[in-house]
PDB file of N, CA and C in Angstrom:
ATOM      1  N   MET A   1     -91.944 -16.931  74.768  1.00  0.00           N
ATOM      2  CA  MET A   1     -91.875 -18.069  73.872  1.00  0.00           C
ATOM      3  C   MET A   1     -90.484 -18.689  73.832  1.00  0.00           C
ATOM      4  N   ASP A   2     -89.494 -17.854  73.902  1.00  0.00           N
ATOM      5  CA  ASP A   2     -88.126 -18.337  73.853  1.00  0.00           C
ATOM      6  C   ASP A   2     -87.853 -19.307  75.008  1.00  0.00           C
ATOM      7  N   PHE A   3     -88.363 -18.994  76.173  1.00  0.00           N
ATOM      8  CA  PHE A   3     -88.203 -19.852  77.347  1.00  0.00           C
ATOM      9  C   PHE A   3     -88.834 -21.218  77.099  1.00  0.00           C
ATOM     10  N   ILE A   4     -90.022 -21.229  76.558  1.00  0.00           N
ATOM     11  CA  ILE A   4     -90.736 -22.483  76.283  1.00  0.00           C
ATOM     12  C   ILE A   4     -89.971 -23.301  75.251  1.00  0.00           C
ATOM     13  N   ASN A   5     -89.448 -22.653  74.236  1.00  0.00           N
ATOM     14  CA  ASN A   5     -88.661 -23.367  73.219  1.00  0.00           C
ATOM     15  C   ASN A   5     -87.419 -24.011  73.841  1.00  0.00           C
ATOM     16  N   LYS A   6     -86.748 -23.293  74.732  1.00  0.00           N
ATOM     17  CA  LYS A   6     -85.556 -23.830  75.386  1.00  0.00           C
ATOM     18  C   LYS A   6     -85.916 -25.022  76.274  1.00  0.00           C
ATOM     19  N   VAL A   7     -87.063 -24.922  76.974  1.00  0.00           N
ATOM     20  CA  VAL A   7     -87.520 -26.032  77.807  1.00  0.00           C
ATOM     21  C   VAL A   7     -87.809 -27.244  76.933  1.00  0.00           C
ATOM     22  N   GLU A   8     -88.484 -27.025  75.811  1.00  0.00           N
ATOM     23  CA  GLU A   8     -88.795 -28.128  74.892  1.00  0.00           C
ATOM     24  C   GLU A   8     -87.512 -28.772  74.359  1.00  0.00           C
ATOM     25  N   GLU A   9     -86.540 -27.942  73.976  1.00  0.00           N
ATOM     26  CA  GLU A   9     -85.275 -28.463  73.473  1.00  0.00           C
ATOM     27  C   GLU A   9     -84.551 -29.274  74.541  1.00  0.00           C
ATOM     28  N   THR A  10     -84.571 -28.767  75.774  1.00  0.00           N
ATOM     29  CA  THR A  10     -83.915 -29.462  76.874  1.00  0.00           C
ATOM     30  C   THR A  10     -84.588 -30.800  77.145  1.00  0.00           C
ATOM     31  N   VAL A  11     -85.913 -30.786  77.188  1.00  0.00           N
ATOM     32  CA  VAL A  11     -86.669 -32.021  77.429  1.00  0.00           C
ATOM     33  C   VAL A  11     -86.424 -33.010  76.299  1.00  0.00           C
ATOM     34  N   THR A  12     -86.419 -32.536  75.075  1.00  0.00           N
ATOM     35  CA  THR A  12     -86.173 -33.403  73.924  1.00  0.00           C
ATOM     36  C   THR A  12     -84.764 -33.988  73.987  1.00  0.00           C
ATOM     37  N   ALA A  13     -83.791 -33.153  74.301  1.00  0.00           N
ATOM     38  CA  ALA A  13     -82.408 -33.627  74.388  1.00  0.00           C
ATOM     39  C   ALA A  13     -82.259 -34.652  75.505  1.00  0.00           C
ATOM     40  N   LYS A  14     -82.844 -34.364  76.666  1.00  0.00           N
ATOM     41  CA  LYS A  14     -82.769 -35.302  77.800  1.00  0.00           C
ATOM     42  C   LYS A  14     -83.478 -36.602  77.448  1.00  0.00           C
ATOM     43  N   GLY A  15     -84.613 -36.485  76.769  1.00  0.00           N
ATOM     44  CA  GLY A  15     -85.357 -37.672  76.352  1.00  0.00           C
ATOM     45  C   GLY A  15     -84.536 -38.525  75.406  1.00  0.00           C
ATOM     46  N   GLN A  16     -83.837 -37.880  74.471  1.00  0.00           N
ATOM     47  CA  GLN A  16     -83.001 -38.617  73.521  1.00  0.00           C
ATOM     48  C   GLN A  16     -81.849 -39.305  74.245  1.00  0.00           C
ATOM     49  N   ILE A  17     -81.280 -38.632  75.241  1.00  0.00           N
ATOM     50  CA  ILE A  17     -80.207 -39.237  76.031  1.00  0.00           C
ATOM     51  C   ILE A  17     -80.721 -40.491  76.732  1.00  0.00           C
ATOM     52  N   LEU A  18     -81.914 -40.397  77.307  1.00  0.00           N
ATOM     53  CA  LEU A  18     -82.501 -41.560  77.980  1.00  0.00           C
ATOM     54  C   LEU A  18     -82.767 -42.692  76.994  1.00  0.00           C
ATOM     55  N   VAL A  19     -83.276 -42.345  75.826  1.00  0.00           N
ATOM     56  CA  VAL A  19     -83.534 -43.361  74.798  1.00  0.00           C
ATOM     57  C   VAL A  19     -82.225 -44.027  74.388  1.00  0.00           C
ATOM     58  N   ASP A  20     -81.182 -43.217  74.176  1.00  0.00           N
ATOM     59  CA  ASP A  20     -79.885 -43.761  73.787  1.00  0.00           C
ATOM     60  C   ASP A  20     -79.327 -44.679  74.876  1.00  0.00           C
ATOM     61  N   LYS A  21     -79.460 -44.262  76.129  1.00  0.00           N
ATOM     62  CA  LYS A  21     -78.980 -45.090  77.238  1.00  0.00           C
ATOM     63  C   LYS A  21     -79.772 -46.387  77.337  1.00  0.00           C
ATOM     64  N   ALA A  22     -81.076 -46.314  77.116  1.00  0.00           N
ATOM     65  CA  ALA A  22     -81.910 -47.514  77.159  1.00  0.00           C
ATOM     66  C   ALA A  22     -81.523 -48.472  76.032  1.00  0.00           C
ATOM     67  N   LYS A  23     -81.262 -47.926  74.843  1.00  0.00           N
ATOM     68  CA  LYS A  23     -80.836 -48.765  73.715  1.00  0.00           C
ATOM     69  C   LYS A  23     -79.499 -49.430  74.025  1.00  0.00           C
ATOM     70  N   ALA A  24     -78.573 -48.652  74.579  1.00  0.00           N
ATOM     71  CA  ALA A  24     -77.258 -49.200  74.921  1.00  0.00           C
ATOM     72  C   ALA A  24     -77.395 -50.296  75.972  1.00  0.00           C
ATOM     73  N   ALA A  25     -78.249 -50.048  76.983  1.00  0.00           N
ATOM     74  CA  ALA A  25     -78.447 -51.054  78.027  1.00  0.00           C
ATOM     75  C   ALA A  25     -79.053 -52.329  77.442  1.00  0.00           C
ATOM     76  N   ALA A  26     -79.995 -52.187  76.529  1.00  0.00           N
ATOM     77  CA  ALA A  26     -80.616 -53.349  75.896  1.00  0.00           C
ATOM     78  C   ALA A  26     -79.593 -54.115  75.051  1.00  0.00           C
ATOM     79  N   GLU A  27     -78.752 -53.381  74.340  1.00  0.00           N
ATOM     80  CA  GLU A  27     -77.731 -54.035  73.517  1.00  0.00           C
ATOM     81  C   GLU A  27     -76.710 -54.757  74.394  1.00  0.00           C
ATOM     82  N   ILE A  28     -76.314 -54.116  75.491  1.00  0.00           N
ATOM     83  CA  ILE A  28     -75.376 -54.750  76.420  1.00  0.00           C
ATOM     84  C   ILE A  28     -75.987 -56.019  77.007  1.00  0.00           C
ATOM     85  N   ALA A  29     -77.266 -55.953  77.386  1.00  0.00           N
ATOM     86  CA  ALA A  29     -77.936 -57.133  77.937  1.00  0.00           C
ATOM     87  C   ALA A  29     -77.969 -58.255  76.907  1.00  0.00           C
ATOM     88  N   SER A  30     -78.243 -57.905  75.667  1.00  0.00           N
ATOM     89  CA  SER A  30     -78.268 -58.908  74.601  1.00  0.00           C
ATOM     90  C   SER A  30     -76.887 -59.523  74.405  1.00  0.00           C
ATOM     91  N   LEU A  31     -75.854 -58.698  74.405  1.00  0.00           N
ATOM     92  CA  LEU A  31     -74.494 -59.203  74.232  1.00  0.00           C
ATOM     93  C   LEU A  31     -74.083 -60.093  75.396  1.00  0.00           C
ATOM     94  N   LYS A  32     -74.451 -59.703  76.612  1.00  0.00           N
ATOM     95  CA  LYS A  32     -74.145 -60.532  77.782  1.00  0.00           C
ATOM     96  C   LYS A  32     -74.857 -61.870  77.696  1.00  0.00           C
ATOM     97  N   SER A  33     -76.076 -61.864  77.194  1.00  0.00           N
ATOM     98  CA  SER A  33     -76.815 -63.110  77.008  1.00  0.00           C
ATOM     99  C   SER A  33     -76.111 -64.000  75.985  1.00  0.00           C
ATOM    100  N   GLN A  34     -75.619 -63.396  74.914  1.00  0.00           N
ATOM    101  CA  GLN A  34     -74.893 -64.156  73.901  1.00  0.00           C
ATOM    102  C   GLN A  34     -73.589 -64.720  74.471  1.00  0.00           C
ATOM    103  N   ILE A  35     -72.914 -63.942  75.322  1.00  0.00           N
ATOM    104  CA  ILE A  35     -71.696 -64.419  75.978  1.00  0.00           C
ATOM    105  C   ILE A  35     -72.026 -65.628  76.849  1.00  0.00           C
ATOM    106  N   SER A  36     -73.127 -65.545  77.607  1.00  0.00           N
ATOM    107  CA  SER A  36     -73.535 -66.669  78.452  1.00  0.00           C
ATOM    108  C   SER A  36     -73.790 -67.917  77.616  1.00  0.00           C
ATOM    109  N   THR A  37     -74.426 -67.738  76.476  1.00  0.00           N
ATOM    110  CA  THR A  37     -74.679 -68.873  75.583  1.00  0.00           C
ATOM    111  C   THR A  37     -73.367 -69.484  75.111  1.00  0.00           C
ATOM    112  N   CYS A  38     -72.416 -68.641  74.726  1.00  0.00           N
ATOM    113  CA  CYS A  38     -71.101 -69.134  74.298  1.00  0.00           C
ATOM    114  C   CYS A  38     -70.419 -69.885  75.434  1.00  0.00           C
ATOM    115  N   GLU A  39     -70.479 -69.348  76.634  1.00  0.00           N
ATOM    116  CA  GLU A  39     -69.845 -69.996  77.786  1.00  0.00           C
ATOM    117  C   GLU A  39     -70.498 -71.333  78.099  1.00  0.00           C
ATOM    118  N   GLU A  40     -71.819 -71.418  77.960  1.00  0.00           N
ATOM    119  CA  GLU A  40     -72.516 -72.689  78.180  1.00  0.00           C
ATOM    120  C   GLU A  40     -72.089 -73.726  77.150  1.00  0.00           C
ATOM    121  N   ILE A  41     -71.944 -73.305  75.898  1.00  0.00           N
ATOM    122  CA  ILE A  41     -71.494 -74.219  74.842  1.00  0.00           C
ATOM    123  C   ILE A  41     -70.085 -74.714  75.154  1.00  0.00           C
ATOM    124  N   MET A  42     -69.207 -73.787  75.587  1.00  0.00           N
ATOM    125  CA  MET A  42     -67.845 -74.193  75.942  1.00  0.00           C
ATOM    126  C   MET A  42     -67.864 -75.167  77.111  1.00  0.00           C
ATOM    127  N   LYS A  43     -68.655 -74.852  78.133  1.00  0.00           N
ATOM    128  CA  LYS A  43     -68.724 -75.712  79.317  1.00  0.00           C
ATOM    129  C   LYS A  43     -69.209 -77.111  78.935  1.00  0.00           C
ATOM    130  N   LYS A  44     -70.258 -77.168  78.121  1.00  0.00           N
ATOM    131  CA  LYS A  44     -70.809 -78.457  77.696  1.00  0.00           C
ATOM    132  C   LYS A  44     -69.744 -79.262  76.955  1.00  0.00           C
ATOM    133  N   ASN A  45     -69.002 -78.601  76.083  1.00  0.00           N
ATOM    134  CA  ASN A  45     -67.996 -79.312  75.303  1.00  0.00           C
ATOM    135  C   ASN A  45     -66.773 -79.690  76.126  1.00  0.00           C
ATOM    136  N   TYR A  46     -66.378 -78.835  77.070  1.00  0.00           N
ATOM    137  CA  TYR A  46     -65.297 -79.214  77.986  1.00  0.00           C
ATOM    138  C   TYR A  46     -65.695 -80.469  78.766  1.00  0.00           C
ATOM    139  N   LEU A  47     -66.925 -80.504  79.252  1.00  0.00           N
ATOM    140  CA  LEU A  47     -67.391 -81.678  79.988  1.00  0.00           C
ATOM    141  C   LEU A  47     -67.393 -82.920  79.102  1.00  0.00           C
ATOM    142  N   GLU A  48     -67.823 -82.751  77.868  1.00  0.00           N
ATOM    143  CA  GLU A  48     -67.858 -83.880  76.943  1.00  0.00           C
ATOM    144  C   GLU A  48     -66.448 -84.385  76.647  1.00  0.00           C
ATOM    145  N   ILE A  49     -65.498 -83.468  76.463  1.00  0.00           N
ATOM    146  CA  ILE A  49     -64.106 -83.869  76.250  1.00  0.00           C
ATOM    147  C   ILE A  49     -63.614 -84.666  77.456  1.00  0.00           C
ATOM    148  N   GLY A  50     -63.920 -84.157  78.649  1.00  0.00           N
ATOM    149  CA  GLY A  50     -63.495 -84.851  79.863  1.00  0.00           C
ATOM    150  C   GLY A  50     -64.111 -86.234  79.975  1.00  0.00           C
ATOM    151  N   ARG A  51     -65.403 -86.336  79.659  1.00  0.00           N
ATOM    152  CA  ARG A  51     -66.077 -87.639  79.723  1.00  0.00           C
ATOM    153  C   ARG A  51     -65.454 -88.606  78.729  1.00  0.00           C
ATOM    154  N   LEU A  52     -65.221 -88.135  77.509  1.00  0.00           N
ATOM    155  CA  LEU A  52     -64.620 -88.995  76.494  1.00  0.00           C
ATOM    156  C   LEU A  52     -63.203 -89.418  76.898  1.00  0.00           C
ATOM    157  N   TYR A  53     -62.443 -88.483  77.447  1.00  0.00           N
ATOM    158  CA  TYR A  53     -61.093 -88.825  77.915  1.00  0.00           C
ATOM    159  C   TYR A  53     -61.176 -89.893  78.996  1.00  0.00           C
ATOM    160  N   TYR A  54     -62.079 -89.678  79.961  1.00  0.00           N
ATOM    161  CA  TYR A  54     -62.187 -90.640  81.061  1.00  0.00           C
ATOM    162  C   TYR A  54     -62.586 -92.018  80.544  1.00  0.00           C
ATOM    163  N   GLU A  55     -63.538 -92.057  79.619  1.00  0.00           N
ATOM    164  CA  GLU A  55     -63.957 -93.349  79.077  1.00  0.00           C
ATOM    165  C   GLU A  55     -62.796 -94.066  78.384  1.00  0.00           C
ATOM    166  N   LYS A  56     -61.956 -93.309  77.707  1.00  0.00           N
ATOM    167  CA  LYS A  56     -60.866 -93.927  76.950  1.00  0.00           C
ATOM    168  C   LYS A  56     -59.620 -94.180  77.803  1.00  0.00           C
ATOM    169  N   PHE A  57     -59.286 -93.252  78.690  1.00  0.00           N
ATOM    170  CA  PHE A  57     -58.025 -93.344  79.418  1.00  0.00           C
ATOM    171  C   PHE A  57     -58.180 -93.334  80.935  1.00  0.00           C
ATOM    172  N   GLY A  58     -59.379 -93.436  81.449  1.00  0.00           N
ATOM    173  CA  GLY A  58     -59.622 -93.307  82.884  1.00  0.00           C
ATOM    174  C   GLY A  58     -58.878 -94.288  83.757  1.00  0.00           C
ATOM    175  N   GLU A  59     -58.629 -95.478  83.244  1.00  0.00           N
ATOM    176  CA  GLU A  59     -57.913 -96.484  84.029  1.00  0.00           C
ATOM    177  C   GLU A  59     -56.397 -96.296  83.965  1.00  0.00           C
ATOM    178  N   THR A  60     -55.917 -95.657  82.917  1.00  0.00           N
ATOM    179  CA  THR A  60     -54.476 -95.401  82.769  1.00  0.00           C
ATOM    180  C   THR A  60     -54.253 -93.967  82.277  1.00  0.00           C
ATOM    181  N   PRO A  61     -54.657 -92.983  83.075  1.00  0.00           N
ATOM    182  CA  PRO A  61     -54.552 -91.594  82.621  1.00  0.00           C
ATOM    183  C   PRO A  61     -53.112 -91.096  82.603  1.00  0.00           C
ATOM    184  N   GLU A  62     -52.879 -90.078  81.799  1.00  0.00           N
ATOM    185  CA  GLU A  62     -51.583 -89.417  81.804  1.00  0.00           C
ATOM    186  C   GLU A  62     -51.452 -88.641  83.112  1.00  0.00           C
ATOM    187  N   GLU A  63     -50.223 -88.320  83.481  1.00  0.00           N
ATOM    188  CA  GLU A  63     -49.925 -87.718  84.777  1.00  0.00           C
ATOM    189  C   GLU A  63     -50.805 -86.513  85.145  1.00  0.00           C
ATOM    190  N   PRO A  64     -51.032 -85.545  84.274  1.00  0.00           N
ATOM    191  CA  PRO A  64     -51.804 -84.390  84.741  1.00  0.00           C
ATOM    192  C   PRO A  64     -53.267 -84.715  85.062  1.00  0.00           C
ATOM    193  N   PHE A  65     -53.740 -85.897  84.652  1.00  0.00           N
ATOM    194  CA  PHE A  65     -55.141 -86.256  84.845  1.00  0.00           C
ATOM    195  C   PHE A  65     -55.359 -87.354  85.888  1.00  0.00           C
ATOM    196  N   GLU A  66     -54.278 -87.842  86.473  1.00  0.00           N
ATOM    197  CA  GLU A  66     -54.382 -88.957  87.420  1.00  0.00           C
ATOM    198  C   GLU A  66     -55.286 -88.620  88.602  1.00  0.00           C
ATOM    199  N   LYS A  67     -55.100 -87.470  89.199  1.00  0.00           N
ATOM    200  CA  LYS A  67     -55.860 -87.084  90.390  1.00  0.00           C
ATOM    201  C   LYS A  67     -57.363 -87.018  90.086  1.00  0.00           C
ATOM    202  N   GLN A  68     -57.716 -86.393  88.981  1.00  0.00           N
ATOM    203  CA  GLN A  68     -59.137 -86.265  88.629  1.00  0.00           C
ATOM    204  C   GLN A  68     -59.750 -87.612  88.285  1.00  0.00           C
ATOM    205  N   CYS A  69     -59.021 -88.451  87.562  1.00  0.00           N
ATOM    206  CA  CYS A  69     -59.548 -89.776  87.211  1.00  0.00           C
ATOM    207  C   CYS A  69     -59.728 -90.633  88.458  1.00  0.00           C
ATOM    208  N   ARG A  70     -58.776 -90.552  89.384  1.00  0.00           N
ATOM    209  CA  ARG A  70     -58.895 -91.289  90.642  1.00  0.00           C
ATOM    210  C   ARG A  70     -60.109 -90.781  91.433  1.00  0.00           C
ATOM    211  N   ALA A  71     -60.314 -89.469  91.454  1.00  0.00           N
ATOM    212  CA  ALA A  71     -61.460 -88.901  92.164  1.00  0.00           C
ATOM    213  C   ALA A  71     -62.772 -89.373  91.536  1.00  0.00           C
ATOM    214  N   ILE A  72     -62.813 -89.461  90.217  1.00  0.00           N
ATOM    215  CA  ILE A  72     -64.020 -89.953  89.535  1.00  0.00           C
ATOM    216  C   ILE A  72     -64.264 -91.416  89.892  1.00  0.00           C
ATOM    217  N   ARG A  73     -63.211 -92.227  89.847  1.00  0.00           N
ATOM    218  CA  ARG A  73     -63.363 -93.654  90.204  1.00  0.00           C
ATOM    219  C   ARG A  73     -63.864 -93.800  91.641  1.00  0.00           C
ATOM    220  N   ASN A  74     -63.278 -93.025  92.542  1.00  0.00           N
ATOM    221  CA  ASN A  74     -63.700 -93.094  93.947  1.00  0.00           C
ATOM    222  C   ASN A  74     -65.154 -92.653  94.122  1.00  0.00           C
ATOM    223  N   ALA A  75     -65.540 -91.599  93.432  1.00  0.00           N
ATOM    224  CA  ALA A  75     -66.920 -91.112  93.525  1.00  0.00           C
ATOM    225  C   ALA A  75     -67.898 -92.133  92.942  1.00  0.00           C
ATOM    226  N   LYS A  76     -67.522 -92.755  91.822  1.00  0.00           N
ATOM    227  CA  LYS A  76     -68.380 -93.794  91.234  1.00  0.00           C
ATOM    228  C   LYS A  76     -68.547 -94.958  92.198  1.00  0.00           C
ATOM    229  N   LYS A  77     -67.443 -95.374  92.822  1.00  0.00           N
ATOM    230  CA  LYS A  77     -67.492 -96.476  93.786  1.00  0.00           C
ATOM    231  C   LYS A  77     -68.364 -96.087  94.975  1.00  0.00           C
ATOM    232  N   GLY A  78     -68.197 -94.858  95.458  1.00  0.00           N
ATOM    233  CA  GLY A  78     -69.010 -94.382  96.571  1.00  0.00           C
ATOM    234  C   GLY A  78     -70.491 -94.360  96.227  1.00  0.00           C
ATOM    235  N   ALA A  79     -70.814 -93.916  95.038  1.00  0.00           N
ATOM    236  CA  ALA A  79     -72.212 -93.881  94.603  1.00  0.00           C
ATOM    237  C   ALA A  79     -72.779 -95.298  94.493  1.00  0.00           C
ATOM    238  N   GLU A  80     -71.981 -96.224  93.969  1.00  0.00           N
ATOM    239  CA  GLU A  80     -72.420 -97.625  93.871  1.00  0.00           C
ATOM    240  C   GLU A  80     -72.678 -98.207  95.255  1.00  0.00           C
ATOM    241  N   ASP A  81     -71.783 -97.918  96.218  1.00  0.00           N
ATOM    242  CA  ASP A  81     -71.961 -98.410  97.586  1.00  0.00           C
ATOM    243  C   ASP A  81     -73.236 -97.845  98.206  1.00  0.00           C
ATOM    244  N   LEU A  82     -73.498 -96.572  97.969  1.00  0.00           N
ATOM    245  CA  LEU A  82     -74.707 -95.939  98.512  1.00  0.00           C
ATOM    246  C   LEU A  82     -75.968 -96.521  97.877  1.00  0.00           C
ATOM    247  N   GLU A  83     -75.917 -96.784  96.584  1.00  0.00           N
ATOM    248  CA  GLU A  83     -77.051 -97.420  95.903  1.00  0.00           C
ATOM    249  C   GLU A  83     -77.308 -98.807  96.495  1.00  0.00           C
ATOM    250  N   CYS A  84     -76.247 -99.517  96.808  1.00  0.00           N
ATOM    251  CA  CYS A  84     -76.349-100.839  97.420  1.00  0.00           C
ATOM    252  C   CYS A  84     -77.060-100.740  98.771  1.00  0.00           C
ATOM    253  N   LYS A  85     -76.666 -99.766  99.559  1.00  0.00           N
ATOM    254  CA  LYS A  85     -77.293 -99.567 100.863  1.00  0.00           C
ATOM    255  C   LYS A  85     -78.775 -99.233 100.716  1.00  0.00           C
ATOM    256  N   ILE A  86     -79.109 -98.438  99.718  1.00  0.00           N
ATOM    257  CA  ILE A  86     -80.516 -98.101  99.475  1.00  0.00           C
ATOM    258  C   ILE A  86     -81.299 -99.364  99.134  1.00  0.00           C
ATOM    259  N   ARG A  87     -80.735-100.226  98.282  1.00  0.00           N
ATOM    260  CA  ARG A  87     -81.416-101.473  97.925  1.00  0.00           C
ATOM    261  C   ARG A  87     -81.592-102.360  99.152  1.00  0.00           C
ATOM    262  N   GLU A  88     -80.577-102.388 100.028  1.00  0.00           N
ATOM    263  CA  GLU A  88     -80.676-103.179 101.250  1.00  0.00           C
ATOM    264  C   GLU A  88     -81.807-102.670 102.147  1.00  0.00           C
ATOM    265  N   ILE A  89     -81.885-101.363 102.297  1.00  0.00           N
ATOM    266  CA  ILE A  89     -82.937-100.770 103.141  1.00  0.00           C
ATOM    267  C   ILE A  89     -84.315-101.066 102.562  1.00  0.00           C
ATOM    268  N   LYS A  90     -84.424-101.006 101.235  1.00  0.00           N
ATOM    269  CA  LYS A  90     -85.703-101.278 100.582  1.00  0.00           C
ATOM    270  C   LYS A  90     -86.022-102.777 100.562  1.00  0.00           C
ATOM    271  N   GLY A  91     -84.995-103.588 100.810  1.00  0.00           N
ATOM    272  CA  GLY A  91     -85.212-105.031 100.794  1.00  0.00           C
ATOM    273  C   GLY A  91     -85.248-105.588  99.384  1.00  0.00           C
ATOM    274  N   VAL A  92     -84.595-104.934  98.485  1.00  0.00           N
ATOM    275  CA  VAL A  92     -84.586-105.365  97.094  1.00  0.00           C
ATOM    276  C   VAL A  92     -83.370-106.200  96.806  1.00  0.00           C
TER     277      VAL A  92
END
């Protein structure tokens, strides 16, 4: 009987360890998901700040933003030119 009791105790202890590890893994996954949500909120707001800055100062940006504003202007112009070509091909 003593052997069976020790086996039961070992199985119970191992089972509890697995349960604890599963709980920890679930909590970590939940926390990582919350971190991702926070990062998405930050990313969305960084983009919004950039858009608002560009709308207000894009034509006369301060020095650290000149390169990015110029790249945005060039990309907008390129997109407009491509849209024009599409309209030409469609005959519109």
